[in-house]
């Protein structure tokens, strides 16, 4: 019998942000990437340590928005089962002066973030179309603590 996780095409949706001192990092994930953590945990399994850099690649600041596609190892892999997760990341940037809710970590003139989906199925075009809309709406909120649109969009 298949578990609930094995039936869901989308396993996680995450927000990756660029921090001026720490670089790219996961800021939010739904559901949490590590069982027992909360949605705002920055913890990642060792196998996914490069996720922030694949979701928000070097040079992303040169574009207002774009999309990346990548793979990660499926952490719950058993012999004969899925071994790859498919990642789609839509990233954008905006002027930090336009933010309604600006935290102390925002010290630069622009804010760069990516909204990322990790899927068990390689349906890149379908996910990209939905994710571009969700990312645009998320940025239009001008308050990155408002993640409700991301939870219902996938």
Protein backbone atom coordinates (compact mmCIF):
# COMPACT_ATOMS: atom_id res chain seq x y z
CA UNK A 1 0.00 0.00 0.00
CA UNK A 2 1.33 3.44 -0.97
CA UNK A 3 1.89 6.11 1.68
CA UNK A 4 0.25 9.52 1.38
CA UNK A 5 3.64 10.99 0.41
CA UNK A 6 4.01 8.55 -2.48
CA UNK A 7 0.62 9.60 -3.89
CA UNK A 8 1.32 13.36 -3.83
CA UNK A 9 3.06 14.74 -6.92
CA UNK A 10 4.28 17.88 -5.04
CA UNK A 11 6.23 17.06 -1.88
CA UNK A 12 7.42 20.54 -0.84
CA UNK A 13 7.08 24.18 -1.72
CA UNK A 14 9.85 26.40 -0.40
CA UNK A 15 10.97 30.00 -0.37
CA UNK A 16 14.67 30.64 -0.83
CA UNK A 17 16.03 34.10 -0.11
CA UNK A 18 19.38 35.77 -0.48
CA UNK A 19 20.83 36.94 2.83
CA UNK A 20 23.58 39.55 2.52
CA UNK A 21 25.90 37.68 4.94
CA UNK A 22 24.91 34.02 4.67
CA UNK A 23 24.06 33.84 0.96
CA UNK A 24 21.12 31.86 -0.41
CA UNK A 25 19.11 29.95 2.20
CA UNK A 26 15.75 28.27 2.61
CA UNK A 27 13.50 30.61 4.59
CA UNK A 28 10.21 28.68 4.51
CA UNK A 29 8.99 25.25 3.46
CA UNK A 30 5.60 23.60 3.37
CA UNK A 31 5.45 21.00 4.66
CA UNK A 32 8.71 21.31 6.62
CA UNK A 33 11.63 19.66 4.85
CA UNK A 34 12.71 17.89 8.05
CA UNK A 35 10.02 16.18 10.11
CA UNK A 36 9.67 17.87 13.48
CA UNK A 37 10.93 21.27 12.29
CA UNK A 38 8.58 24.17 11.73
CA UNK A 39 7.85 25.79 8.36
CA UNK A 40 10.35 28.61 9.01
CA UNK A 41 13.31 26.31 9.72
CA UNK A 42 16.43 26.81 7.60
CA UNK A 43 17.59 23.23 8.27
CA UNK A 44 18.16 20.97 5.29
CA UNK A 45 19.26 17.36 5.00
CA UNK A 46 22.91 17.06 3.93
CA UNK A 47 21.85 15.60 0.56
CA UNK A 48 19.96 18.83 -0.20
CA UNK A 49 22.66 21.31 0.92
CA UNK A 50 22.84 22.77 -2.61
CA UNK A 51 19.08 23.39 -2.90
CA UNK A 52 19.30 27.14 -2.10
CA UNK A 53 21.95 27.69 -4.77
CA UNK A 54 20.04 25.74 -7.42
CA UNK A 55 16.79 27.56 -6.62
CA UNK A 56 18.41 31.02 -6.53
CA UNK A 57 21.52 30.70 -8.71
CA UNK A 58 24.56 32.94 -8.82
CA UNK A 59 23.86 35.86 -11.13
CA UNK A 60 20.11 35.89 -10.42
CA UNK A 61 20.47 39.57 -9.51
CA UNK A 62 21.04 40.29 -13.22
CA UNK A 63 17.40 39.41 -14.06
CA UNK A 64 14.07 40.68 -12.80
CA UNK A 65 12.67 37.14 -12.95
CA UNK A 66 13.52 33.72 -14.35
CA UNK A 67 13.04 29.98 -13.80
CA UNK A 68 15.48 27.17 -13.05
CA UNK A 69 15.00 23.41 -13.21
CA UNK A 70 17.04 20.91 -11.20
CA UNK A 71 17.10 17.46 -9.57
CA UNK A 72 17.57 16.36 -5.97
CA UNK A 73 17.87 12.87 -4.51
CA UNK A 74 14.63 11.43 -3.18
CA UNK A 75 15.38 11.01 0.53
CA UNK A 76 12.91 8.21 1.27
CA UNK A 77 14.12 6.05 -1.59
CA UNK A 78 13.83 2.30 -1.23
CA UNK A 79 15.10 -0.29 -3.71
CA UNK A 80 12.91 -0.18 -6.81
CA UNK A 81 11.26 3.11 -5.77
CA UNK A 82 11.66 6.72 -6.90
CA UNK A 83 15.20 8.05 -6.64
CA UNK A 84 14.87 11.58 -8.03
CA UNK A 85 12.91 14.70 -7.10
CA UNK A 86 12.30 17.31 -9.77
CA UNK A 87 12.76 20.94 -8.79
CA UNK A 88 11.28 24.02 -10.41
CA UNK A 89 12.21 27.44 -9.05
CA UNK A 90 10.83 30.82 -10.10
CA UNK A 91 12.90 33.70 -8.79
CA UNK A 92 12.31 37.43 -8.77
CA UNK A 93 13.64 40.58 -7.21
CA UNK A 94 12.11 43.84 -6.08
CA UNK A 95 13.17 47.12 -4.50
CA UNK A 96 13.38 46.75 -0.75
CA UNK A 97 11.87 50.22 -0.27
CA UNK A 98 8.57 48.83 -1.62
CA UNK A 99 8.22 46.23 1.15
CA UNK A 100 5.33 46.67 3.58
CA UNK A 101 6.95 44.45 6.22
CA UNK A 102 10.71 44.93 6.15
CA UNK A 103 12.76 42.86 8.62
CA UNK A 104 16.12 43.93 10.02
CA UNK A 105 17.98 41.53 7.70
CA UNK A 106 17.00 43.60 4.64
CA UNK A 107 20.01 45.89 4.22
CA UNK A 108 20.31 46.14 0.44
CA UNK A 109 18.30 48.07 -2.13
CA UNK A 110 16.81 44.93 -3.67
CA UNK A 111 15.36 41.70 -2.26
CA UNK A 112 15.84 38.44 -4.15
CA UNK A 113 13.73 35.38 -3.50
CA UNK A 114 12.78 32.17 -5.23
CA UNK A 115 9.67 30.07 -4.83
CA UNK A 116 10.53 26.44 -5.40
CA UNK A 117 8.50 23.26 -5.89
CA UNK A 118 9.91 19.77 -5.36
CA UNK A 119 7.89 17.19 -7.26
CA UNK A 120 7.96 13.43 -7.69
CA UNK A 121 6.97 13.85 -11.34
CA UNK A 122 8.86 15.67 -14.12
CA UNK A 123 5.93 17.90 -15.12
CA UNK A 124 8.10 20.98 -15.50
CA UNK A 125 5.87 23.02 -17.81
CA UNK A 126 2.74 22.52 -15.72
CA UNK A 127 4.53 23.40 -12.47
CA UNK A 128 6.31 26.36 -14.04
CA UNK A 129 3.05 27.87 -15.33
CA UNK A 130 1.40 27.67 -11.90
CA UNK A 131 4.53 28.64 -10.00
CA UNK A 132 5.16 31.78 -12.07
CA UNK A 133 1.67 33.04 -11.17
CA UNK A 134 2.06 32.11 -7.48
CA UNK A 135 5.48 33.80 -7.32
CA UNK A 136 4.15 36.97 -8.95
CA UNK A 137 1.26 37.16 -6.48
CA UNK A 138 3.61 36.42 -3.56
CA UNK A 139 5.81 39.36 -4.57
CA UNK A 140 2.82 41.64 -5.15
CA UNK A 141 1.89 41.16 -1.47
CA UNK A 142 5.12 43.04 -0.63
CA UNK A 143 5.19 41.12 2.65
CA UNK A 144 7.16 37.88 2.48
CA UNK A 145 5.74 36.63 5.78
CA UNK A 146 2.40 36.13 4.01
CA UNK A 147 2.91 32.62 2.66
CA UNK A 148 -0.75 31.60 2.49
CA UNK A 149 -0.85 31.98 -1.31
CA UNK A 150 1.97 29.44 -1.59
CA UNK A 151 0.23 26.84 0.55
CA UNK A 152 -2.95 26.91 -1.54
CA UNK A 153 -1.32 27.32 -4.95
CA UNK A 154 0.03 23.79 -5.11
